[in-house]
């Protein structure tokens, strides 16, 4: 098991956001966290990444308790994060955004600039352009490529299709499938249910800060209550 989130409760100040959330992600699988906007997906990711640690519960990464571990230490352990707002460096070029994030991995094939350009050919043509001048779709690709440059074993993808045109959503889906093929473990948070279930092996449904359903993709597709909650 790559990740285990066990009964976490997370607050923003005095506001109780996550209630007894538990989920797990096995190595080499794509697992999705589905829910409407504001359901608690991003807070779950921030809890895992140590940006907003839970006040109760345990988070284990690769069998080790990493609850309250700072984000930079989690990155060194092999955890990568693509936030929903991308957070690229607007004044740096595409190449500089990638180079500043580069970190050697500890095992297997290594991601470098050439490999991420092979995955996202459009970025190669934009190598010298500043991040702030890229379109939303290009910035999203750059955010994923930058995360890959840290050579993660586990990748958190938060709302990767948000704001993208349908043709870019399809292209992004193909690239996430390639990441799965090379053995990367992924936890994917999304509102785009059809896109997400097409990529995932297993899924969790979050609503009002609680995990209300979980199961294999086929089970979720066939569940009428899941369709109602997710707006399918």
Protein backbone atom coordinates (compact mmCIF):
# COMPACT_ATOMS: atom_id res chain seq x y z
CA UNK A 1 0.00 0.00 0.00
CA UNK A 2 1.43 3.36 -1.06
CA UNK A 3 -0.88 5.64 0.93
CA UNK A 4 -3.24 5.09 3.85
CA UNK A 5 -5.35 7.91 5.28
CA UNK A 6 -6.90 6.75 8.54
CA UNK A 7 -9.82 8.55 10.20
CA UNK A 8 -8.55 12.10 9.77
CA UNK A 9 -10.34 15.24 10.97
CA UNK A 10 -9.14 18.54 9.53
CA UNK A 11 -10.05 22.11 10.49
CA UNK A 12 -9.63 25.55 8.93
CA UNK A 13 -9.43 27.65 12.08
CA UNK A 14 -12.57 26.74 14.02
CA UNK A 15 -14.33 25.30 10.96
CA UNK A 16 -14.48 21.50 10.90
CA UNK A 17 -13.94 20.53 7.23
CA UNK A 18 -13.05 16.80 7.11
CA UNK A 19 -14.88 14.28 9.26
CA UNK A 20 -13.31 10.85 9.88
CA UNK A 21 -11.95 10.55 6.31
CA UNK A 22 -10.22 7.28 5.42
CA UNK A 23 -8.89 6.06 2.08
CA UNK A 24 -6.05 4.00 0.69
CA UNK A 25 -4.10 3.83 -2.55
CA UNK A 26 -2.27 0.66 -3.58
CA UNK A 27 0.99 0.92 -5.47
CA UNK A 28 0.69 1.20 -9.25
CA UNK A 29 -3.00 2.09 -9.22
CA UNK A 30 -5.02 5.18 -10.07
CA UNK A 31 -7.54 5.98 -7.36
CA UNK A 32 -10.02 8.85 -7.61
CA UNK A 33 -11.64 11.11 -5.04
CA UNK A 34 -14.87 12.42 -6.51
CA UNK A 35 -17.20 15.11 -5.24
CA UNK A 36 -18.78 18.44 -5.99
CA UNK A 37 -16.96 21.73 -5.57
CA UNK A 38 -16.47 22.38 -1.84
CA UNK A 39 -16.98 18.75 -0.82
CA UNK A 40 -13.52 18.46 0.74
CA UNK A 41 -11.29 17.11 -2.03
CA UNK A 42 -8.63 19.83 -1.92
CA UNK A 43 -8.61 19.86 1.88
CA UNK A 44 -7.96 16.12 1.82
CA UNK A 45 -5.00 16.66 -0.48
CA UNK A 46 -3.65 19.51 1.65
CA UNK A 47 -3.93 17.27 4.71
CA UNK A 48 -1.96 14.52 2.97
CA UNK A 49 0.72 16.96 1.77
CA UNK A 50 1.18 18.52 5.21
CA UNK A 51 -0.09 21.94 4.13
CA UNK A 52 -3.08 21.74 6.45
CA UNK A 53 -2.36 18.78 8.75
CA UNK A 54 -5.25 16.93 10.40
CA UNK A 55 -5.94 17.47 14.06
CA UNK A 56 -6.87 13.80 14.47
CA UNK A 57 -6.07 10.62 12.57
CA UNK A 58 -3.02 9.19 10.85
CA UNK A 59 -1.54 9.45 7.35
CA UNK A 60 0.88 6.72 6.27
CA UNK A 61 3.04 6.85 3.17
CA UNK A 62 4.77 3.65 2.09
CA UNK A 63 4.11 2.21 5.56
CA UNK A 64 5.56 5.17 7.48
CA UNK A 65 3.56 7.59 9.61
CA UNK A 66 3.93 10.98 7.89
CA UNK A 67 1.19 12.87 9.72
CA UNK A 68 2.30 16.51 10.16
CA UNK A 69 5.43 15.95 8.03
CA UNK A 70 6.42 19.17 6.18
CA UNK A 71 5.74 19.19 2.42
CA UNK A 72 9.42 19.43 1.44
CA UNK A 73 10.17 16.25 3.37
CA UNK A 74 7.25 14.45 1.72
CA UNK A 75 8.65 15.51 -1.67
CA UNK A 76 11.98 13.95 -0.72
CA UNK A 77 10.15 10.74 0.18
CA UNK A 78 8.67 10.61 -3.33
CA UNK A 79 5.32 12.38 -3.05
CA UNK A 80 4.39 14.87 -5.77
CA UNK A 81 1.47 17.32 -5.87
CA UNK A 82 -0.22 19.19 -8.71
CA UNK A 83 -2.49 21.81 -7.07
CA UNK A 84 -5.76 22.88 -8.63
CA UNK A 85 -4.48 26.44 -9.10
CA UNK A 86 -1.25 25.23 -10.79
CA UNK A 87 1.08 27.65 -8.94
CA UNK A 88 3.69 27.83 -11.66
CA UNK A 89 6.36 30.54 -11.56
CA UNK A 90 4.95 33.20 -13.89
CA UNK A 91 8.25 35.07 -14.38
CA UNK A 92 10.27 31.92 -15.18
CA UNK A 93 10.32 30.22 -18.57
CA UNK A 94 8.91 26.76 -19.11
CA UNK A 95 12.44 25.33 -19.02
CA UNK A 96 13.28 27.21 -15.82
CA UNK A 97 10.07 26.04 -14.13
CA UNK A 98 11.13 22.47 -14.87
CA UNK A 99 14.79 22.85 -13.98
CA UNK A 100 14.09 24.47 -10.62
CA UNK A 101 12.02 21.44 -9.58
CA UNK A 102 14.43 18.76 -10.77
CA UNK A 103 15.26 16.09 -8.20
CA UNK A 104 16.89 12.74 -8.75
CA UNK A 105 14.73 9.74 -7.94
CA UNK A 106 15.80 6.83 -5.82
CA UNK A 107 14.77 4.00 -8.13
CA UNK A 108 13.69 3.01 -11.62
CA UNK A 109 13.58 5.23 -14.68
CA UNK A 110 14.20 8.91 -14.07
CA UNK A 111 12.11 11.83 -15.27
CA UNK A 112 14.12 14.63 -16.86
CA UNK A 113 13.27 17.54 -19.13
CA UNK A 114 13.44 15.46 -22.28
CA UNK A 115 11.10 12.80 -20.88
CA UNK A 116 8.48 15.33 -19.82
CA UNK A 117 8.75 16.98 -23.24
CA UNK A 118 8.11 13.56 -24.78
CA UNK A 119 4.98 13.28 -22.62
CA UNK A 120 3.89 16.88 -23.35
CA UNK A 121 5.32 17.79 -26.78
CA UNK A 122 3.63 21.20 -26.75
CA UNK A 123 5.84 22.27 -23.85
CA UNK A 124 8.99 21.66 -25.88
CA UNK A 125 7.86 24.27 -28.39
CA UNK A 126 7.25 26.67 -25.49
CA UNK A 127 10.60 26.02 -23.79
CA UNK A 128 11.62 29.69 -23.70
CA UNK A 129 8.23 31.24 -22.98
CA UNK A 130 7.46 32.62 -19.53
CA UNK A 131 4.92 30.69 -17.51
CA UNK A 132 2.66 33.69 -17.08
CA UNK A 133 2.18 33.92 -20.86
CA UNK A 134 0.92 30.35 -21.24
CA UNK A 135 -2.72 29.45 -21.72
CA UNK A 136 -4.60 27.69 -18.93
CA UNK A 137 -4.16 24.31 -20.60
CA UNK A 138 -0.45 24.89 -21.15
CA UNK A 139 -0.02 25.93 -17.52
CA UNK A 140 -1.80 22.75 -16.42
CA UNK A 141 0.58 20.64 -18.51
CA UNK A 142 3.54 22.55 -17.07
CA UNK A 143 2.32 21.99 -13.51
CA UNK A 144 2.14 18.22 -14.08
CA UNK A 145 5.51 18.19 -15.87
CA UNK A 146 7.10 20.15 -13.03
CA UNK A 147 5.77 17.65 -10.49
CA UNK A 148 7.21 14.79 -12.56
CA UNK A 149 10.63 16.48 -12.50
CA UNK A 150 10.77 15.71 -8.77
CA UNK A 151 10.66 12.01 -9.74
CA UNK A 152 7.73 11.09 -7.50
CA UNK A 153 6.56 7.57 -6.81
CA UNK A 154 3.14 8.87 -5.85
CA UNK A 155 1.32 11.79 -7.51
CA UNK A 156 -1.60 13.84 -6.17
CA UNK A 157 -3.54 15.42 -9.05
CA UNK A 158 -6.06 18.02 -7.88
CA UNK A 159 -8.73 19.00 -10.44
CA UNK A 160 -6.47 18.57 -13.52
CA UNK A 161 -9.30 19.18 -16.02
CA UNK A 162 -10.67 22.34 -14.41
CA UNK A 163 -11.06 25.10 -17.01
CA UNK A 164 -9.79 22.98 -19.91
CA UNK A 165 -11.43 22.70 -23.31
CA UNK A 166 -12.81 19.22 -24.16
CA UNK A 167 -10.01 18.49 -26.65
CA UNK A 168 -7.41 19.23 -23.96
CA UNK A 169 -9.28 17.08 -21.43
CA UNK A 170 -9.07 14.14 -23.81
CA UNK A 171 -5.35 14.74 -24.39
CA UNK A 172 -4.70 15.01 -20.65
CA UNK A 173 -6.51 11.72 -20.06
CA UNK A 174 -4.22 9.99 -22.54
CA UNK A 175 -1.17 11.31 -20.72
CA UNK A 176 -2.42 10.20 -17.31
CA UNK A 177 -2.91 6.73 -18.78
CA UNK A 178 0.73 6.80 -19.87
CA UNK A 179 1.79 7.68 -16.32
CA UNK A 180 -0.14 4.65 -15.09
CA UNK A 181 1.53 2.46 -17.72
CA UNK A 182 5.00 3.41 -16.43
CA UNK A 183 3.97 2.42 -12.91
CA UNK A 184 3.27 5.77 -11.25
CA UNK A 185 0.72 5.64 -8.42
CA UNK A 186 -1.90 8.40 -8.67
CA UNK A 187 -4.60 9.85 -6.43
CA UNK A 188 -6.87 11.98 -8.61
CA UNK A 189 -9.41 14.50 -7.30
CA UNK A 190 -12.00 15.64 -9.81
CA UNK A 191 -15.50 16.93 -10.47
CA UNK A 192 -15.42 15.56 -14.04
CA UNK A 193 -16.82 12.15 -13.20
CA UNK A 194 -16.78 10.49 -16.63
CA UNK A 195 -13.19 11.57 -17.31
CA UNK A 196 -12.04 10.33 -13.91
CA UNK A 197 -13.79 6.96 -13.84
CA UNK A 198 -12.36 6.19 -17.29
CA UNK A 199 -8.85 6.41 -15.78
CA UNK A 200 -9.34 4.94 -12.32
CA UNK A 201 -9.18 1.50 -10.76
CA UNK A 202 -11.03 2.40 -7.57
CA UNK A 203 -12.89 5.41 -6.29
CA UNK A 204 -14.09 7.29 -3.21
CA UNK A 205 -16.99 9.73 -3.09
CA UNK A 206 -16.71 12.65 -0.68
CA UNK A 207 -19.63 14.85 0.30
CA UNK A 208 -19.73 17.50 3.03
CA UNK A 209 -16.31 16.43 4.25
CA UNK A 210 -17.18 12.75 4.66
CA UNK A 211 -16.45 9.68 2.57
CA UNK A 212 -19.93 8.42 1.77
CA UNK A 213 -19.21 5.73 -0.84
CA UNK A 214 -16.28 3.73 -2.13
CA UNK A 215 -15.82 0.90 -4.55
CA UNK A 216 -14.52 -0.36 -7.86
CA UNK A 217 -15.29 1.87 -10.83
CA UNK A 218 -18.10 -0.35 -12.13
CA UNK A 219 -19.82 -0.27 -8.75
CA UNK A 220 -19.72 3.52 -8.64
CA UNK A 221 -21.03 3.87 -12.19
CA UNK A 222 -24.01 1.64 -11.38
CA UNK A 223 -24.86 3.33 -8.05
CA UNK A 224 -27.81 5.74 -8.36
CA UNK A 225 -26.94 7.60 -5.14
CA UNK A 226 -23.40 8.19 -6.37
CA UNK A 227 -24.81 9.59 -9.61
CA UNK A 228 -27.00 11.98 -7.60
CA UNK A 229 -24.19 13.21 -5.36
CA UNK A 230 -21.75 13.68 -8.24
CA UNK A 231 -24.32 15.14 -10.60
CA UNK A 232 -23.84 12.48 -13.28
